[in-house]
Amino acid sequence: MVAPQPSPITIEHLCFRVLPSGQAEFLRQDEQIWGSPLREHPGFLRKETWLDGEDAELVHIIIHWASRADWKAFPPEKVEALDRAMQPFYVRLEQVKEYQLWA
């Protein structure tokens, strides 16, 4: 019998355009608005924030999920409400990408 393959860790990569003068506030608000809901959601592993070395306005948020199913189980209505609360703190969402990391 062949053992089932482990589910890959899913990486959610969000890229926001944020003026450098507003990045500290964006990061504070991101933690205040998204921090607890993410940490309380089953399957959330960790979150990283990267500032782009080539474009000073780009902020990358990298979220590690135990599986794609865990990520997609985050309630859409909650995502919409939290996103609305964040909108005053960035210019626009540049991209959303998904990656699979085999642990």
PDB file of N, CA and C in Angstrom:
ATOM      1  N   MET A   1       0.848  -1.182   0.000  1.00  0.00           N
ATOM      2  CA  MET A   1       0.000   0.000   0.000  1.00  0.00           C
ATOM      3  C   MET A   1       0.888   1.238   0.000  1.00  0.00           C
ATOM      4  N   VAL A   2       0.570   2.178  -0.849  1.00  0.00           N
ATOM      5  CA  VAL A   2       1.333   3.413  -0.961  1.00  0.00           C
ATOM      6  C   VAL A   2       0.780   4.432   0.029  1.00  0.00           C
ATOM      7  N   ALA A   3       1.688   5.037   0.782  1.00  0.00           N
ATOM      8  CA  ALA A   3       1.266   6.064   1.747  1.00  0.00           C
ATOM      9  C   ALA A   3       0.762   7.289   1.000  1.00  0.00           C
ATOM     10  N   PRO A   4      -0.293   7.940   1.502  1.00  0.00           N
ATOM     11  CA  PRO A   4      -0.780   9.147   0.832  1.00  0.00           C
ATOM     12  C   PRO A   4       0.275  10.249   0.890  1.00  0.00           C
ATOM     13  N   GLN A   5       0.314  11.033  -0.170  1.00  0.00           N
ATOM     14  CA  GLN A   5       1.238  12.168  -0.221  1.00  0.00           C
ATOM     15  C   GLN A   5       0.760  13.249   0.740  1.00  0.00           C
ATOM     16  N   PRO A   6       1.689  13.885   1.448  1.00  0.00           N
ATOM     17  CA  PRO A   6       1.276  14.968   2.333  1.00  0.00           C
ATOM     18  C   PRO A   6       0.772  16.151   1.515  1.00  0.00           C
ATOM     19  N   SER A   7      -0.147  16.877   2.089  1.00  0.00           N
ATOM     20  CA  SER A   7      -0.670  18.069   1.436  1.00  0.00           C
ATOM     21  C   SER A   7       0.394  19.164   1.491  1.00  0.00           C
ATOM     22  N   PRO A   8       0.610  19.849   0.383  1.00  0.00           N
ATOM     23  CA  PRO A   8       1.628  20.902   0.416  1.00  0.00           C
ATOM     24  C   PRO A   8       1.146  22.117   1.202  1.00  0.00           C
ATOM     25  N   ILE A   9       2.084  22.784   1.813  1.00  0.00           N
ATOM     26  CA  ILE A   9       1.783  24.064   2.446  1.00  0.00           C
ATOM     27  C   ILE A   9       1.434  25.037   1.324  1.00  0.00           C
ATOM     28  N   THR A  10       0.410  25.836   1.533  1.00  0.00           N
ATOM     29  CA  THR A  10      -0.002  26.825   0.538  1.00  0.00           C
ATOM     30  C   THR A  10       0.474  28.192   0.978  1.00  0.00           C
ATOM     31  N   ILE A  11       1.055  28.902   0.031  1.00  0.00           N
ATOM     32  CA  ILE A  11       1.543  30.262   0.277  1.00  0.00           C
ATOM     33  C   ILE A  11       0.619  31.233  -0.439  1.00  0.00           C
ATOM     34  N   GLU A  12       0.078  32.160   0.306  1.00  0.00           N
ATOM     35  CA  GLU A  12      -0.734  33.250  -0.240  1.00  0.00           C
ATOM     36  C   GLU A  12       0.186  34.474  -0.294  1.00  0.00           C
ATOM     37  N   HIS A  13       0.382  35.023  -1.472  1.00  0.00           N
ATOM     38  CA  HIS A  13       1.277  36.167  -1.655  1.00  0.00           C
ATOM     39  C   HIS A  13       0.458  37.360  -2.122  1.00  0.00           C
ATOM     40  N   LEU A  14       0.373  38.361  -1.280  1.00  0.00           N
ATOM     41  CA  LEU A  14      -0.344  39.600  -1.586  1.00  0.00           C
ATOM     42  C   LEU A  14       0.676  40.704  -1.772  1.00  0.00           C
ATOM     43  N   CYS A  15       0.494  41.522  -2.789  1.00  0.00           N
ATOM     44  CA  CYS A  15       1.412  42.630  -3.036  1.00  0.00           C
ATOM     45  C   CYS A  15       0.599  43.924  -3.084  1.00  0.00           C
ATOM     46  N   PHE A  16       0.889  44.822  -2.153  1.00  0.00           N
ATOM     47  CA  PHE A  16       0.175  46.090  -2.039  1.00  0.00           C
ATOM     48  C   PHE A  16       1.076  47.249  -2.438  1.00  0.00           C
ATOM     49  N   ARG A  17       0.490  48.246  -3.090  1.00  0.00           N
ATOM     50  CA  ARG A  17       1.196  49.494  -3.345  1.00  0.00           C
ATOM     51  C   ARG A  17       0.839  50.441  -2.202  1.00  0.00           C
ATOM     52  N   VAL A  18       1.871  50.818  -1.445  1.00  0.00           N
ATOM     53  CA  VAL A  18       1.694  51.673  -0.266  1.00  0.00           C
ATOM     54  C   VAL A  18       2.769  52.756  -0.331  1.00  0.00           C
ATOM     55  N   LEU A  19       2.371  54.008  -0.242  1.00  0.00           N
ATOM     56  CA  LEU A  19       3.375  55.073  -0.249  1.00  0.00           C
ATOM     57  C   LEU A  19       4.332  54.874   0.919  1.00  0.00           C
ATOM     58  N   PRO A  20       5.627  55.077   0.709  1.00  0.00           N
ATOM     59  CA  PRO A  20       6.593  54.877   1.796  1.00  0.00           C
ATOM     60  C   PRO A  20       6.230  55.632   3.077  1.00  0.00           C
ATOM     61  N   SER A  21       5.658  56.810   2.943  1.00  0.00           N
ATOM     62  CA  SER A  21       5.290  57.598   4.126  1.00  0.00           C
ATOM     63  C   SER A  21       4.149  56.956   4.920  1.00  0.00           C
ATOM     64  N   GLY A  22       3.407  56.050   4.309  1.00  0.00           N
ATOM     65  CA  GLY A  22       2.291  55.397   4.988  1.00  0.00           C
ATOM     66  C   GLY A  22       2.536  53.940   5.343  1.00  0.00           C
ATOM     67  N   GLN A  23       3.737  53.433   5.076  1.00  0.00           N
ATOM     68  CA  GLN A  23       3.983  52.009   5.296  1.00  0.00           C
ATOM     69  C   GLN A  23       3.947  51.604   6.760  1.00  0.00           C
ATOM     70  N   ALA A  24       4.475  52.430   7.646  1.00  0.00           N
ATOM     71  CA  ALA A  24       4.446  52.075   9.070  1.00  0.00           C
ATOM     72  C   ALA A  24       3.000  51.954   9.554  1.00  0.00           C
ATOM     73  N   GLU A  25       2.144  52.885   9.143  1.00  0.00           N
ATOM     74  CA  GLU A  25       0.728  52.823   9.541  1.00  0.00           C
ATOM     75  C   GLU A  25       0.033  51.633   8.883  1.00  0.00           C
ATOM     76  N   PHE A  26       0.343  51.365   7.631  1.00  0.00           N
ATOM     77  CA  PHE A  26      -0.215  50.193   6.949  1.00  0.00           C
ATOM     78  C   PHE A  26       0.118  48.927   7.726  1.00  0.00           C
ATOM     79  N   LEU A  27       1.359  48.785   8.147  1.00  0.00           N
ATOM     80  CA  LEU A  27       1.785  47.592   8.879  1.00  0.00           C
ATOM     81  C   LEU A  27       1.107  47.502  10.244  1.00  0.00           C
ATOM     82  N   ARG A  28       0.960  48.624  10.929  1.00  0.00           N
ATOM     83  CA  ARG A  28       0.247  48.629  12.223  1.00  0.00           C
ATOM     84  C   ARG A  28      -1.211  48.213  12.040  1.00  0.00           C
ATOM     85  N   GLN A  29      -1.847  48.819  11.048  1.00  0.00           N
ATOM     86  CA  GLN A  29      -3.260  48.507  10.811  1.00  0.00           C
ATOM     87  C   GLN A  29      -3.443  47.070  10.340  1.00  0.00           C
ATOM     88  N   ASP A  30      -2.520  46.582   9.525  1.00  0.00           N
ATOM     89  CA  ASP A  30      -2.609  45.196   9.075  1.00  0.00           C
ATOM     90  C   ASP A  30      -2.589  44.242  10.266  1.00  0.00           C
ATOM     91  N   GLU A  31      -1.696  44.497  11.204  1.00  0.00           N
ATOM     92  CA  GLU A  31      -1.639  43.633  12.397  1.00  0.00           C
ATOM     93  C   GLU A  31      -2.911  43.794  13.229  1.00  0.00           C
ATOM     94  N   GLN A  32      -3.368  45.023  13.401  1.00  0.00           N
ATOM     95  CA  GLN A  32      -4.565  45.259  14.225  1.00  0.00           C
ATOM     96  C   GLN A  32      -5.809  44.644  13.586  1.00  0.00           C
ATOM     97  N   ILE A  33      -5.951  44.777  12.272  1.00  0.00           N
ATOM     98  CA  ILE A  33      -7.169  44.332  11.589  1.00  0.00           C
ATOM     99  C   ILE A  33      -7.133  42.842  11.276  1.00  0.00           C
ATOM    100  N   TRP A  34      -6.011  42.357  10.738  1.00  0.00           N
ATOM    101  CA  TRP A  34      -5.925  40.971  10.273  1.00  0.00           C
ATOM    102  C   TRP A  34      -5.276  40.018  11.262  1.00  0.00           C
ATOM    103  N   GLY A  35      -4.486  40.533  12.202  1.00  0.00           N
ATOM    104  CA  GLY A  35      -3.697  39.678  13.083  1.00  0.00           C
ATOM    105  C   GLY A  35      -4.486  38.594  13.797  1.00  0.00           C
ATOM    106  N   SER A  36      -5.428  38.987  14.618  1.00  0.00           N
ATOM    107  CA  SER A  36      -6.200  37.996  15.397  1.00  0.00           C
ATOM    108  C   SER A  36      -7.031  37.065  14.530  1.00  0.00           C
ATOM    109  N   PRO A  37      -7.775  37.593  13.544  1.00  0.00           N
ATOM    110  CA  PRO A  37      -8.570  36.668  12.727  1.00  0.00           C
ATOM    111  C   PRO A  37      -7.714  35.599  12.037  1.00  0.00           C
ATOM    112  N   LEU A  38      -6.536  35.974  11.575  1.00  0.00           N
ATOM    113  CA  LEU A  38      -5.668  34.965  10.947  1.00  0.00           C
ATOM    114  C   LEU A  38      -5.175  33.955  11.969  1.00  0.00           C
ATOM    115  N   ARG A  39      -4.654  34.439  13.084  1.00  0.00           N
ATOM    116  CA  ARG A  39      -4.099  33.530  14.096  1.00  0.00           C
ATOM    117  C   ARG A  39      -5.146  32.572  14.645  1.00  0.00           C
ATOM    118  N   GLU A  40      -6.408  32.977  14.674  1.00  0.00           N
ATOM    119  CA  GLU A  40      -7.479  32.143  15.206  1.00  0.00           C
ATOM    120  C   GLU A  40      -8.021  31.140  14.182  1.00  0.00           C
ATOM    121  N   HIS A  41      -7.676  31.322  12.911  1.00  0.00           N
ATOM    122  CA  HIS A  41      -8.233  30.461  11.865  1.00  0.00           C
ATOM    123  C   HIS A  41      -7.440  29.154  11.761  1.00  0.00           C
ATOM    124  N   PRO A  42      -8.141  28.012  11.779  1.00  0.00           N
ATOM    125  CA  PRO A  42      -7.447  26.725  11.643  1.00  0.00           C
ATOM    126  C   PRO A  42      -6.623  26.666  10.349  1.00  0.00           C
ATOM    127  N   GLY A  43      -5.415  26.176  10.469  1.00  0.00           N
ATOM    128  CA  GLY A  43      -4.559  26.027   9.307  1.00  0.00           C
ATOM    129  C   GLY A  43      -3.626  27.181   9.039  1.00  0.00           C
ATOM    130  N   PHE A  44      -3.842  28.312   9.712  1.00  0.00           N
ATOM    131  CA  PHE A  44      -2.908  29.431   9.562  1.00  0.00           C
ATOM    132  C   PHE A  44      -1.600  29.048  10.247  1.00  0.00           C
ATOM    133  N   LEU A  45      -0.486  29.216   9.541  1.00  0.00           N
ATOM    134  CA  LEU A  45       0.805  28.866  10.098  1.00  0.00           C
ATOM    135  C   LEU A  45       1.622  30.091  10.508  1.00  0.00           C
ATOM    136  N   ARG A  46       1.798  31.022   9.585  1.00  0.00           N
ATOM    137  CA  ARG A  46       2.545  32.237   9.905  1.00  0.00           C
ATOM    138  C   ARG A  46       2.381  33.254   8.784  1.00  0.00           C
ATOM    139  N   LYS A  47       2.824  34.461   9.099  1.00  0.00           N
ATOM    140  CA  LYS A  47       2.716  35.562   8.149  1.00  0.00           C
ATOM    141  C   LYS A  47       4.028  36.326   8.161  1.00  0.00           C
ATOM    142  N   GLU A  48       4.487  36.718   6.980  1.00  0.00           N
ATOM    143  CA  GLU A  48       5.692  37.529   6.846  1.00  0.00           C
ATOM    144  C   GLU A  48       5.348  38.770   6.040  1.00  0.00           C
ATOM    145  N   THR A  49       6.050  39.856   6.313  1.00  0.00           N
ATOM    146  CA  THR A  49       5.885  41.073   5.536  1.00  0.00           C
ATOM    147  C   THR A  49       7.244  41.455   4.978  1.00  0.00           C
ATOM    148  N   TRP A  50       7.289  41.675   3.672  1.00  0.00           N
ATOM    149  CA  TRP A  50       8.534  42.017   2.991  1.00  0.00           C
ATOM    150  C   TRP A  50       8.374  43.364   2.301  1.00  0.00           C
ATOM    151  N   LEU A  51       9.383  44.200   2.434  1.00  0.00           N
ATOM    152  CA  LEU A  51       9.430  45.450   1.676  1.00  0.00           C
ATOM    153  C   LEU A  51      10.269  45.177   0.430  1.00  0.00           C
ATOM    154  N   ASP A  52       9.813  45.687  -0.691  1.00  0.00           N
ATOM    155  CA  ASP A  52      10.446  45.407  -1.976  1.00  0.00           C
ATOM    156  C   ASP A  52      11.710  46.245  -2.148  1.00  0.00           C
ATOM    157  N   GLY A  53      12.831  45.607  -2.450  1.00  0.00           N
ATOM    158  CA  GLY A  53      14.097  46.299  -2.619  1.00  0.00           C
ATOM    159  C   GLY A  53      14.212  47.059  -3.929  1.00  0.00           C
ATOM    160  N   GLU A  54      13.354  46.753  -4.901  1.00  0.00           N
ATOM    161  CA  GLU A  54      13.415  47.417  -6.197  1.00  0.00           C
ATOM    162  C   GLU A  54      12.349  48.488  -6.371  1.00  0.00           C
ATOM    163  N   ASP A  55      11.264  48.390  -5.641  1.00  0.00           N
ATOM    164  CA  ASP A  55      10.173  49.369  -5.735  1.00  0.00           C
ATOM    165  C   ASP A  55       9.756  49.713  -4.311  1.00  0.00           C
ATOM    166  N   ALA A  56      10.137  50.899  -3.855  1.00  0.00           N
ATOM    167  CA  ALA A  56       9.922  51.300  -2.460  1.00  0.00           C
ATOM    168  C   ALA A  56       8.451  51.376  -2.061  1.00  0.00           C
ATOM    169  N   GLU A  57       7.541  51.356  -3.026  1.00  0.00           N
ATOM    170  CA  GLU A  57       6.117  51.439  -2.706  1.00  0.00           C
ATOM    171  C   GLU A  57       5.456  50.073  -2.525  1.00  0.00           C
ATOM    172  N   LEU A  58       6.174  48.992  -2.820  1.00  0.00           N
ATOM    173  CA  LEU A  58       5.551  47.679  -2.752  1.00  0.00           C
ATOM    174  C   LEU A  58       5.793  47.010  -1.408  1.00  0.00           C
ATOM    175  N   VAL A  59       4.710  46.494  -0.841  1.00  0.00           N
ATOM    176  CA  VAL A  59       4.750  45.721   0.401  1.00  0.00           C
ATOM    177  C   VAL A  59       4.177  44.350   0.076  1.00  0.00           C
ATOM    178  N   HIS A  60       4.957  43.325   0.347  1.00  0.00           N
ATOM    179  CA  HIS A  60       4.537  41.947   0.081  1.00  0.00           C
ATOM    180  C   HIS A  60       4.146  41.299   1.405  1.00  0.00           C
ATOM    181  N   ILE A  61       2.976  40.696   1.420  1.00  0.00           N
ATOM    182  CA  ILE A  61       2.528  39.939   2.591  1.00  0.00           C
ATOM    183  C   ILE A  61       2.464  38.475   2.167  1.00  0.00           C
ATOM    184  N   ILE A  62       3.192  37.654   2.896  1.00  0.00           N
ATOM    185  CA  ILE A  62       3.312  36.232   2.590  1.00  0.00           C
ATOM    186  C   ILE A  62       2.660  35.467   3.745  1.00  0.00           C
ATOM    187  N   ILE A  63       1.603  34.731   3.431  1.00  0.00           N
ATOM    188  CA  ILE A  63       0.875  33.987   4.457  1.00  0.00           C
ATOM    189  C   ILE A  63       1.031  32.499   4.172  1.00  0.00           C
ATOM    190  N   HIS A  64       1.462  31.765   5.178  1.00  0.00           N
ATOM    191  CA  HIS A  64       1.652  30.321   5.073  1.00  0.00           C
ATOM    192  C   HIS A  64       0.430  29.621   5.678  1.00  0.00           C
ATOM    193  N   TRP A  65      -0.172  28.751   4.881  1.00  0.00           N
ATOM    194  CA  TRP A  65      -1.332  27.966   5.299  1.00  0.00           C
ATOM    195  C   TRP A  65      -0.962  26.489   5.285  1.00  0.00           C
ATOM    196  N   ALA A  66      -1.504  25.725   6.192  1.00  0.00           N
ATOM    197  CA  ALA A  66      -1.248  24.287   6.242  1.00  0.00           C
ATOM    198  C   ALA A  66      -1.713  23.591   4.967  1.00  0.00           C
ATOM    199  N   SER A  67      -2.765  24.137   4.350  1.00  0.00           N
ATOM    200  CA  SER A  67      -3.265  23.574   3.090  1.00  0.00           C
ATOM    201  C   SER A  67      -4.082  24.638   2.364  1.00  0.00           C
ATOM    202  N   ARG A  68      -4.302  24.395   1.095  1.00  0.00           N
ATOM    203  CA  ARG A  68      -5.143  25.299   0.306  1.00  0.00           C
ATOM    204  C   ARG A  68      -6.574  25.291   0.858  1.00  0.00           C
ATOM    205  N   ALA A  69      -7.033  24.123   1.282  1.00  0.00           N
ATOM    206  CA  ALA A  69      -8.384  24.011   1.842  1.00  0.00           C
ATOM    207  C   ALA A  69      -8.535  24.888   3.083  1.00  0.00           C
ATOM    208  N   ASP A  70      -7.498  24.936   3.934  1.00  0.00           N
ATOM    209  CA  ASP A  70      -7.561  25.797   5.123  1.00  0.00           C
ATOM    210  C   ASP A  70      -7.681  27.261   4.720  1.00  0.00           C
ATOM    211  N   TRP A  71      -6.868  27.683   3.755  1.00  0.00           N
ATOM    212  CA  TRP A  71      -6.906  29.069   3.286  1.00  0.00           C
ATOM    213  C   TRP A  71      -8.291  29.394   2.746  1.00  0.00           C
ATOM    214  N   LYS A  72      -8.806  28.537   1.871  1.00  0.00           N
ATOM    215  CA  LYS A  72     -10.080  28.820   1.218  1.00  0.00           C
ATOM    216  C   LYS A  72     -11.272  28.686   2.166  1.00  0.00           C
ATOM    217  N   ALA A  73     -11.054  28.089   3.353  1.00  0.00           N
ATOM    218  CA  ALA A  73     -12.128  27.983   4.342  1.00  0.00           C
ATOM    219  C   ALA A  73     -12.300  29.270   5.142  1.00  0.00           C
ATOM    220  N   PHE A  74     -11.377  30.227   4.983  1.00  0.00           N
ATOM    221  CA  PHE A  74     -11.545  31.517   5.663  1.00  0.00           C
ATOM    222  C   PHE A  74     -12.804  32.156   5.080  1.00  0.00           C
ATOM    223  N   PRO A  75     -13.775  32.514   5.917  1.00  0.00           N
ATOM    224  CA  PRO A  75     -15.078  32.973   5.409  1.00  0.00           C
ATOM    225  C   PRO A  75     -14.962  34.189   4.488  1.00  0.00           C
ATOM    226  N   PRO A  76     -15.492  34.097   3.266  1.00  0.00           N
ATOM    227  CA  PRO A  76     -15.398  35.200   2.304  1.00  0.00           C
ATOM    228  C   PRO A  76     -15.976  36.511   2.834  1.00  0.00           C
ATOM    229  N   GLU A  77     -17.066  36.427   3.596  1.00  0.00           N
ATOM    230  CA  GLU A  77     -17.661  37.666   4.119  1.00  0.00           C
ATOM    231  C   GLU A  77     -16.725  38.327   5.134  1.00  0.00           C
ATOM    232  N   LYS A  78     -15.969  37.533   5.851  1.00  0.00           N
ATOM    233  CA  LYS A  78     -14.988  38.080   6.794  1.00  0.00           C
ATOM    234  C   LYS A  78     -13.832  38.722   6.037  1.00  0.00           C
ATOM    235  N   VAL A  79     -13.385  38.068   4.966  1.00  0.00           N
ATOM    236  CA  VAL A  79     -12.324  38.639   4.121  1.00  0.00           C
ATOM    237  C   VAL A  79     -12.763  39.998   3.602  1.00  0.00           C
ATOM    238  N   GLU A  80     -13.977  40.078   3.089  1.00  0.00           N
ATOM    239  CA  GLU A  80     -14.488  41.334   2.538  1.00  0.00           C
ATOM    240  C   GLU A  80     -14.523  42.427   3.595  1.00  0.00           C
ATOM    241  N   ALA A  81     -14.987  42.117   4.791  1.00  0.00           N
ATOM    242  CA  ALA A  81     -15.064  43.120   5.865  1.00  0.00           C
ATOM    243  C   ALA A  81     -13.670  43.591   6.290  1.00  0.00           C
ATOM    244  N   LEU A  82     -12.746  42.646   6.431  1.00  0.00           N
ATOM    245  CA  LEU A  82     -11.391  43.017   6.831  1.00  0.00           C
ATOM    246  C   LEU A  82     -10.687  43.796   5.725  1.00  0.00           C
ATOM    247  N   ASP A  83     -10.915  43.410   4.478  1.00  0.00           N
ATOM    248  CA  ASP A  83     -10.338  44.153   3.355  1.00  0.00           C
ATOM    249  C   ASP A  83     -10.874  45.586   3.312  1.00  0.00           C
ATOM    250  N   ARG A  84     -12.155  45.759   3.545  1.00  0.00           N
ATOM    251  CA  ARG A  84     -12.728  47.112   3.567  1.00  0.00           C
ATOM    252  C   ARG A  84     -12.073  47.966   4.650  1.00  0.00           C
ATOM    253  N   ALA A  85     -11.814  47.365   5.801  1.00  0.00           N
ATOM    254  CA  ALA A  85     -11.183  48.105   6.896  1.00  0.00           C
ATOM    255  C   ALA A  85      -9.752  48.512   6.544  1.00  0.00           C
ATOM    256  N   MET A  86      -9.071  47.734   5.694  1.00  0.00           N
ATOM    257  CA  MET A  86      -7.686  48.024   5.309  1.00  0.00           C
ATOM    258  C   MET A  86      -7.572  49.021   4.158  1.00  0.00           C
ATOM    259  N   GLN A  87      -8.610  49.189   3.365  1.00  0.00           N
ATOM    260  CA  GLN A  87      -8.520  49.992   2.147  1.00  0.00           C
ATOM    261  C   GLN A  87      -7.999  51.414   2.334  1.00  0.00           C
ATOM    262  N   PRO A  88      -8.289  52.089   3.441  1.00  0.00           N
ATOM    263  CA  PRO A  88      -7.755  53.453   3.574  1.00  0.00           C
ATOM    264  C   PRO A  88      -6.228  53.523   3.717  1.00  0.00           C
ATOM    265  N   PHE A  89      -5.560  52.393   3.914  1.00  0.00           N
ATOM    266  CA  PHE A  89      -4.145  52.402   4.251  1.00  0.00           C
ATOM    267  C   PHE A  89      -3.230  51.988   3.104  1.00  0.00           C
ATOM    268  N   TYR A  90      -3.778  51.746   1.922  1.00  0.00           N
ATOM    269  CA  TYR A  90      -2.931  51.430   0.773  1.00  0.00           C
ATOM    270  C   TYR A  90      -3.523  52.045  -0.488  1.00  0.00           C
ATOM    271  N   VAL A  91      -2.678  52.182  -1.505  1.00  0.00           N
ATOM    272  CA  VAL A  91      -3.119  52.753  -2.773  1.00  0.00           C
ATOM    273  C   VAL A  91      -3.914  51.722  -3.563  1.00  0.00           C
ATOM    274  N   ARG A  92      -3.346  50.517  -3.709  1.00  0.00           N
ATOM    275  CA  ARG A  92      -4.080  49.436  -4.401  1.00  0.00           C
ATOM    276  C   ARG A  92      -3.406  48.092  -4.132  1.00  0.00           C
ATOM    277  N   LEU A  93      -4.180  47.066  -4.339  1.00  0.00           N
ATOM    278  CA  LEU A  93      -3.665  45.702  -4.291  1.00  0.00           C
ATOM    279  C   LEU A  93      -3.127  45.407  -5.684  1.00  0.00           C
ATOM    280  N   GLU A  94      -1.819  45.169  -5.784  1.00  0.00           N
ATOM    281  CA  GLU A  94      -1.167  44.956  -7.079  1.00  0.00           C
ATOM    282  C   GLU A  94      -1.375  43.541  -7.602  1.00  0.00           C
ATOM    283  N   GLN A  95      -1.262  42.552  -6.716  1.00  0.00           N
ATOM    284  CA  GLN A  95      -1.418  41.180  -7.175  1.00  0.00           C
ATOM    285  C   GLN A  95      -1.687  40.239  -6.011  1.00  0.00           C
ATOM    286  N   VAL A  96      -2.298  39.119  -6.356  1.00  0.00           N
ATOM    287  CA  VAL A  96      -2.510  38.007  -5.431  1.00  0.00           C
ATOM    288  C   VAL A  96      -2.006  36.771  -6.157  1.00  0.00           C
ATOM    289  N   LYS A  97      -1.085  36.051  -5.523  1.00  0.00           N
ATOM    290  CA  LYS A  97      -0.548  34.832  -6.128  1.00  0.00           C
ATOM    291  C   LYS A  97      -0.622  33.706  -5.109  1.00  0.00           C
ATOM    292  N   GLU A  98      -0.569  32.520  -5.645  1.00  0.00           N
ATOM    293  CA  GLU A  98      -0.616  31.334  -4.804  1.00  0.00           C
ATOM    294  C   GLU A  98       0.543  30.423  -5.191  1.00  0.00           C
ATOM    295  N   TYR A  99       1.188  29.864  -4.177  1.00  0.00           N
ATOM    296  CA  TYR A  99       2.285  28.930  -4.396  1.00  0.00           C
ATOM    297  C   TYR A  99       2.055  27.704  -3.527  1.00  0.00           C
ATOM    298  N   GLN A 100       2.666  26.609  -3.914  1.00  0.00           N
ATOM    299  CA  GLN A 100       2.630  25.395  -3.110  1.00  0.00           C
ATOM    300  C   GLN A 100       4.054  25.109  -2.636  1.00  0.00           C
ATOM    301  N   LEU A 101       4.235  24.942  -1.356  1.00  0.00           N
ATOM    302  CA  LEU A 101       5.534  24.629  -0.767  1.00  0.00           C
ATOM    303  C   LEU A 101       5.465  23.229  -0.205  1.00  0.00           C
ATOM    304  N   TRP A 102       6.284  22.353  -0.719  1.00  0.00           N
ATOM    305  CA  TRP A 102       6.298  20.991  -0.201  1.00  0.00           C
ATOM    306  C   TRP A 102       7.231  20.957   0.977  1.00  0.00           C
ATOM    307  N   ALA A 103       6.684  20.710   2.152  1.00  0.00           N
ATOM    308  CA  ALA A 103       7.473  20.731   3.390  1.00  0.00           C
ATOM    309  C   ALA A 103       8.252  19.437   3.544  1.00  0.00           C
TER     310      ALA A 103
END
